[in-house]
Amino acid sequence: MINLPLAETTVVKSINMKLSEVKSQLTSIGEVRFKLPNGSYVPQHFHVTEIGAVSKHFIDCGGKVREDNTINFQLWEANDYDHRIAPTKFLDIINLSENILELTDGDIEVEYQSNTIGKYGLSFDGKDFVLTNTYTDCLAKDNCGIPMEKVQKSLASLTPDAESCCTPGGGCC
């Protein structure tokens, strides 16, 4: 059995769109379109099959207890090729979910079927909602021996100290 020191709980933050941002965009667009990371689109006949509050309570490899709370949209497509969800209908579904589930203005994650259920972040490019790739990461790199990436710098971009008499091409070396 491994004994890890328990630390205070940390809330994991992400940079996804907030629910309020999605609602705001839905009031200004004529159609709801989701663009996949590869540039293709979720078929226009998709359904929003779920909106939910997702809470993840976990411990990282360094022993720190963490929480991650998101709002999940699940997109699904069927053979219902004439189906189109209007922005106002999507907004109605969100408002109903907010009221019944008592949702706060959380980050959005989107589930959509690819080879398996894909889990995406969400952004907006001014016209379309864009599903963004998500990645795993070690949250305790300082505790598990993962070397930090070294920043690559060009020697030409380095400026000499004001006190240094030696500069490239200065002839002092």
C-alpha atoms as a PDB file:
ATOM      1  CA  MET A   1       0.000   0.000   0.000  1.00  0.00           C
ATOM      2  CA  ILE A   2       1.292   3.436  -0.949  1.00  0.00           C
ATOM      3  CA  ASN A   3       0.917   6.184   1.648  1.00  0.00           C
ATOM      4  CA  LEU A   4       0.652   9.543  -0.064  1.00  0.00           C
ATOM      5  CA  PRO A   5       0.488  12.749   1.956  1.00  0.00           C
ATOM      6  CA  LEU A   6      -2.934  14.323   1.698  1.00  0.00           C
ATOM      7  CA  ALA A   7      -2.924  17.985   0.767  1.00  0.00           C
ATOM      8  CA  GLU A   8      -5.591  20.612   0.425  1.00  0.00           C
ATOM      9  CA  THR A   9      -8.115  20.220  -2.367  1.00  0.00           C
ATOM     10  CA  THR A  10      -7.281  22.029  -5.593  1.00  0.00           C
ATOM     11  CA  VAL A  11      -9.848  22.873  -8.239  1.00  0.00           C
ATOM     12  CA  VAL A  12      -8.617  22.063 -11.744  1.00  0.00           C
ATOM     13  CA  LYS A  13      -9.133  24.957 -14.157  1.00  0.00           C
ATOM     14  CA  SER A  14      -9.473  24.841 -17.920  1.00  0.00           C
ATOM     15  CA  ILE A  15      -9.747  27.430 -20.663  1.00  0.00           C
ATOM     16  CA  ASN A  16     -12.971  26.290 -22.304  1.00  0.00           C
ATOM     17  CA  MET A  17     -15.981  28.418 -23.044  1.00  0.00           C
ATOM     18  CA  LYS A  18     -18.276  29.117 -20.127  1.00  0.00           C
ATOM     19  CA  LEU A  19     -21.993  28.350 -20.293  1.00  0.00           C
ATOM     20  CA  SER A  20     -22.797  32.081 -20.350  1.00  0.00           C
ATOM     21  CA  GLU A  21     -20.562  32.513 -23.414  1.00  0.00           C
ATOM     22  CA  VAL A  22     -22.362  29.705 -25.267  1.00  0.00           C
ATOM     23  CA  LYS A  23     -25.735  31.264 -24.424  1.00  0.00           C
ATOM     24  CA  SER A  24     -24.543  34.663 -25.628  1.00  0.00           C
ATOM     25  CA  GLN A  25     -23.320  33.252 -28.948  1.00  0.00           C
ATOM     26  CA  LEU A  26     -26.596  31.372 -29.479  1.00  0.00           C
ATOM     27  CA  THR A  27     -28.458  34.715 -29.468  1.00  0.00           C
ATOM     28  CA  SER A  28     -26.313  36.054 -32.308  1.00  0.00           C
ATOM     29  CA  ILE A  29     -26.084  33.161 -34.809  1.00  0.00           C
ATOM     30  CA  GLY A  30     -28.525  31.855 -37.410  1.00  0.00           C
ATOM     31  CA  GLU A  31     -27.596  28.184 -37.207  1.00  0.00           C
ATOM     32  CA  VAL A  32     -25.805  25.921 -34.751  1.00  0.00           C
ATOM     33  CA  ARG A  33     -22.721  24.316 -36.236  1.00  0.00           C
ATOM     34  CA  PHE A  34     -19.968  22.383 -34.509  1.00  0.00           C
ATOM     35  CA  LYS A  35     -16.583  22.166 -36.214  1.00  0.00           C
ATOM     36  CA  LEU A  36     -14.298  19.260 -35.334  1.00  0.00           C
ATOM     37  CA  PRO A  37     -10.563  19.776 -34.690  1.00  0.00           C
ATOM     38  CA  ASN A  38      -9.755  18.409 -38.173  1.00  0.00           C
ATOM     39  CA  GLY A  39     -11.917  21.117 -39.814  1.00  0.00           C
ATOM     40  CA  SER A  40     -14.854  18.876 -40.725  1.00  0.00           C
ATOM     41  CA  TYR A  41     -18.275  19.451 -39.197  1.00  0.00           C
ATOM     42  CA  VAL A  42     -20.597  17.462 -36.981  1.00  0.00           C
ATOM     43  CA  PRO A  43     -23.481  16.636 -39.376  1.00  0.00           C
ATOM     44  CA  GLN A  44     -26.241  19.241 -39.294  1.00  0.00           C
ATOM     45  CA  HIS A  45     -28.771  16.624 -38.159  1.00  0.00           C
ATOM     46  CA  PHE A  46     -27.091  16.151 -34.752  1.00  0.00           C
ATOM     47  CA  HIS A  47     -29.098  15.993 -31.533  1.00  0.00           C
ATOM     48  CA  VAL A  48     -28.124  17.381 -28.139  1.00  0.00           C
ATOM     49  CA  THR A  49     -28.882  14.231 -26.149  1.00  0.00           C
ATOM     50  CA  GLU A  50     -27.582  15.393 -22.768  1.00  0.00           C
ATOM     51  CA  ILE A  51     -26.649  18.487 -20.848  1.00  0.00           C
ATOM     52  CA  GLY A  52     -25.262  17.661 -17.456  1.00  0.00           C
ATOM     53  CA  ALA A  53     -23.168  18.707 -14.502  1.00  0.00           C
ATOM     54  CA  VAL A  54     -20.035  16.566 -14.266  1.00  0.00           C
ATOM     55  CA  SER A  55     -18.013  16.515 -11.061  1.00  0.00           C
ATOM     56  CA  LYS A  56     -14.712  14.692 -10.791  1.00  0.00           C
ATOM     57  CA  HIS A  57     -13.096  14.307  -7.365  1.00  0.00           C
ATOM     58  CA  PHE A  58      -9.660  12.714  -7.593  1.00  0.00           C
ATOM     59  CA  ILE A  59      -6.138  12.513  -6.266  1.00  0.00           C
ATOM     60  CA  ASP A  60      -3.130  13.194  -8.461  1.00  0.00           C
ATOM     61  CA  CYS A  61       0.101  11.182  -8.435  1.00  0.00           C
ATOM     62  CA  GLY A  62       1.606  13.659  -5.966  1.00  0.00           C
ATOM     63  CA  GLY A  63      -1.117  13.045  -3.393  1.00  0.00           C
ATOM     64  CA  LYS A  64      -3.036  16.286  -3.920  1.00  0.00           C
ATOM     65  CA  VAL A  65      -6.820  16.032  -3.805  1.00  0.00           C
ATOM     66  CA  ARG A  66      -8.455  17.831  -6.715  1.00  0.00           C
ATOM     67  CA  GLU A  67     -11.900  18.624  -8.075  1.00  0.00           C
ATOM     68  CA  ASP A  68     -12.963  19.341 -11.627  1.00  0.00           C
ATOM     69  CA  ASN A  69     -16.506  20.537 -12.330  1.00  0.00           C
ATOM     70  CA  THR A  70     -17.754  21.011 -15.877  1.00  0.00           C
ATOM     71  CA  ILE A  71     -20.966  21.236 -17.837  1.00  0.00           C
ATOM     72  CA  ASN A  72     -21.249  18.521 -20.451  1.00  0.00           C
ATOM     73  CA  PHE A  73     -23.012  18.680 -23.810  1.00  0.00           C
ATOM     74  CA  GLN A  74     -23.414  15.333 -25.553  1.00  0.00           C
ATOM     75  CA  LEU A  75     -23.905  15.503 -29.322  1.00  0.00           C
ATOM     76  CA  TRP A  76     -25.308  12.536 -31.197  1.00  0.00           C
ATOM     77  CA  GLU A  77     -26.338  11.893 -34.758  1.00  0.00           C
ATOM     78  CA  ALA A  78     -28.984   9.492 -35.952  1.00  0.00           C
ATOM     79  CA  ASN A  79     -30.561   8.684 -39.286  1.00  0.00           C
ATOM     80  CA  ASP A  80     -32.861  11.645 -38.699  1.00  0.00           C
ATOM     81  CA  TYR A  81     -31.458  13.617 -41.645  1.00  0.00           C
ATOM     82  CA  ASP A  82     -34.187  16.277 -41.573  1.00  0.00           C
ATOM     83  CA  HIS A  83     -33.434  17.224 -37.954  1.00  0.00           C
ATOM     84  CA  ARG A  84     -31.891  20.661 -37.340  1.00  0.00           C
ATOM     85  CA  ILE A  85     -31.588  22.324 -33.961  1.00  0.00           C
ATOM     86  CA  ALA A  86     -32.225  26.064 -34.056  1.00  0.00           C
ATOM     87  CA  PRO A  87     -30.174  28.347 -31.799  1.00  0.00           C
ATOM     88  CA  THR A  88     -33.353  29.290 -29.874  1.00  0.00           C
ATOM     89  CA  LYS A  89     -34.191  25.609 -29.268  1.00  0.00           C
ATOM     90  CA  PHE A  90     -30.647  24.903 -28.053  1.00  0.00           C
ATOM     91  CA  LEU A  91     -30.914  27.922 -25.752  1.00  0.00           C
ATOM     92  CA  ASP A  92     -34.239  26.603 -24.408  1.00  0.00           C
ATOM     93  CA  ILE A  93     -32.607  23.225 -23.640  1.00  0.00           C
ATOM     94  CA  ILE A  94     -29.743  24.996 -21.837  1.00  0.00           C
ATOM     95  CA  ASN A  95     -32.126  27.187 -19.831  1.00  0.00           C
ATOM     96  CA  LEU A  96     -34.195  24.161 -18.800  1.00  0.00           C
ATOM     97  CA  SER A  97     -31.015  22.339 -17.751  1.00  0.00           C
ATOM     98  CA  GLU A  98     -29.825  25.361 -15.766  1.00  0.00           C
ATOM     99  CA  ASN A  99     -33.106  25.548 -13.865  1.00  0.00           C
ATOM    100  CA  ILE A 100     -33.575  21.853 -13.141  1.00  0.00           C
ATOM    101  CA  LEU A 101     -29.922  20.937 -12.494  1.00  0.00           C
ATOM    102  CA  GLU A 102     -29.086  24.288 -10.859  1.00  0.00           C
ATOM    103  CA  LEU A 103     -26.078  24.710 -13.140  1.00  0.00           C
ATOM    104  CA  THR A 104     -23.540  27.414 -12.454  1.00  0.00           C
ATOM    105  CA  ASP A 105     -21.579  29.258 -15.128  1.00  0.00           C
ATOM    106  CA  GLY A 106     -19.046  26.462 -15.603  1.00  0.00           C
ATOM    107  CA  ASP A 107     -16.655  25.389 -18.311  1.00  0.00           C
ATOM    108  CA  ILE A 108     -18.146  23.398 -21.181  1.00  0.00           C
ATOM    109  CA  GLU A 109     -16.933  20.009 -22.351  1.00  0.00           C
ATOM    110  CA  VAL A 110     -18.478  18.270 -25.339  1.00  0.00           C
ATOM    111  CA  GLU A 111     -18.821  14.542 -25.944  1.00  0.00           C
ATOM    112  CA  TYR A 112     -19.102  13.368 -29.529  1.00  0.00           C
ATOM    113  CA  GLN A 113     -18.705   9.925 -31.082  1.00  0.00           C
ATOM    114  CA  SER A 114     -15.525   9.287 -33.043  1.00  0.00           C
ATOM    115  CA  ASN A 115     -13.647   5.967 -32.809  1.00  0.00           C
ATOM    116  CA  THR A 116     -14.817   6.051 -29.200  1.00  0.00           C
ATOM    117  CA  ILE A 117     -16.597   8.763 -27.261  1.00  0.00           C
ATOM    118  CA  GLY A 118     -14.450  11.838 -27.829  1.00  0.00           C
ATOM    119  CA  LYS A 119     -14.189  14.453 -25.109  1.00  0.00           C
ATOM    120  CA  TYR A 120     -13.543  17.958 -26.389  1.00  0.00           C
ATOM    121  CA  GLY A 121     -13.167  21.485 -25.164  1.00  0.00           C
ATOM    122  CA  LEU A 122     -15.247  24.214 -26.795  1.00  0.00           C
ATOM    123  CA  SER A 123     -14.425  27.554 -28.365  1.00  0.00           C
ATOM    124  CA  PHE A 124     -16.147  29.875 -30.842  1.00  0.00           C
ATOM    125  CA  ASP A 125     -14.529  31.278 -33.978  1.00  0.00           C
ATOM    126  CA  GLY A 126     -17.092  34.013 -34.671  1.00  0.00           C
ATOM    127  CA  LYS A 127     -19.281  31.730 -36.786  1.00  0.00           C
ATOM    128  CA  ASP A 128     -19.063  28.158 -35.497  1.00  0.00           C
ATOM    129  CA  PHE A 129     -18.638  26.388 -32.196  1.00  0.00           C
ATOM    130  CA  VAL A 130     -15.286  24.613 -32.440  1.00  0.00           C
ATOM    131  CA  LEU A 131     -14.562  21.345 -30.669  1.00  0.00           C
ATOM    132  CA  THR A 132     -11.002  21.566 -29.383  1.00  0.00           C
ATOM    133  CA  ASN A 133      -8.713  18.667 -28.582  1.00  0.00           C
ATOM    134  CA  THR A 134      -8.173  17.846 -24.931  1.00  0.00           C
ATOM    135  CA  TYR A 135      -5.042  16.264 -23.536  1.00  0.00           C
ATOM    136  CA  THR A 136      -3.946  14.367 -20.473  1.00  0.00           C
ATOM    137  CA  ASP A 137      -1.264  15.906 -18.300  1.00  0.00           C
ATOM    138  CA  CYS A 138       0.556  15.195 -15.069  1.00  0.00           C
ATOM    139  CA  LEU A 139      -0.678  17.660 -12.463  1.00  0.00           C
ATOM    140  CA  ALA A 140       2.153  16.937 -10.035  1.00  0.00           C
ATOM    141  CA  LYS A 141       5.271  17.124 -12.187  1.00  0.00           C
ATOM    142  CA  ASP A 142       7.258  18.589  -9.309  1.00  0.00           C
ATOM    143  CA  ASN A 143       6.467  15.515  -7.174  1.00  0.00           C
ATOM    144  CA  CYS A 144       7.025  12.665  -9.604  1.00  0.00           C
ATOM    145  CA  GLY A 145      10.354  13.470 -11.236  1.00  0.00           C
ATOM    146  CA  ILE A 146       9.141  14.697 -14.624  1.00  0.00           C
ATOM    147  CA  PRO A 147      11.832  17.037 -15.970  1.00  0.00           C
ATOM    148  CA  MET A 148      10.559  20.486 -16.850  1.00  0.00           C
ATOM    149  CA  GLU A 149      10.951  21.455 -20.503  1.00  0.00           C
ATOM    150  CA  LYS A 150      13.918  23.657 -21.172  1.00  0.00           C
ATOM    151  CA  VAL A 151      13.184  26.826 -23.091  1.00  0.00           C
ATOM    152  CA  GLN A 152      15.160  26.914 -26.331  1.00  0.00           C
ATOM    153  CA  LYS A 153      16.791  30.298 -26.988  1.00  0.00           C
ATOM    154  CA  SER A 154      18.797  31.535 -29.894  1.00  0.00           C
ATOM    155  CA  LEU A 155      22.211  32.971 -28.985  1.00  0.00           C
ATOM    156  CA  ALA A 156      21.491  35.892 -31.315  1.00  0.00           C
ATOM    157  CA  SER A 157      18.446  36.835 -29.226  1.00  0.00           C
ATOM    158  CA  LEU A 158      20.454  37.137 -26.016  1.00  0.00           C
ATOM    159  CA  THR A 159      21.501  40.647 -25.032  1.00  0.00           C
ATOM    160  CA  PRO A 160      24.746  41.214 -23.135  1.00  0.00           C
ATOM    161  CA  ASP A 161      24.759  42.590 -19.577  1.00  0.00           C
ATOM    162  CA  ALA A 162      25.292  46.332 -19.344  1.00  0.00           C
ATOM    163  CA  GLU A 163      28.337  45.649 -17.134  1.00  0.00           C
ATOM    164  CA  SER A 164      29.855  43.139 -19.556  1.00  0.00           C
ATOM    165  CA  CYS A 165      32.611  44.394 -21.797  1.00  0.00           C
ATOM    166  CA  CYS A 166      32.407  41.370 -24.009  1.00  0.00           C
ATOM    167  CA  THR A 167      29.928  41.319 -26.878  1.00  0.00           C
ATOM    168  CA  PRO A 168      29.821  39.125 -29.958  1.00  0.00           C
ATOM    169  CA  GLY A 169      32.319  40.575 -32.445  1.00  0.00           C
ATOM    170  CA  GLY A 170      33.684  42.990 -29.785  1.00  0.00           C
ATOM    171  CA  GLY A 171      37.192  41.556 -29.941  1.00  0.00           C
ATOM    172  CA  CYS A 172      37.613  41.095 -26.188  1.00  0.00           C
ATOM    173  CA  CYS A 173      37.791  37.320 -26.256  1.00  0.00           C
END
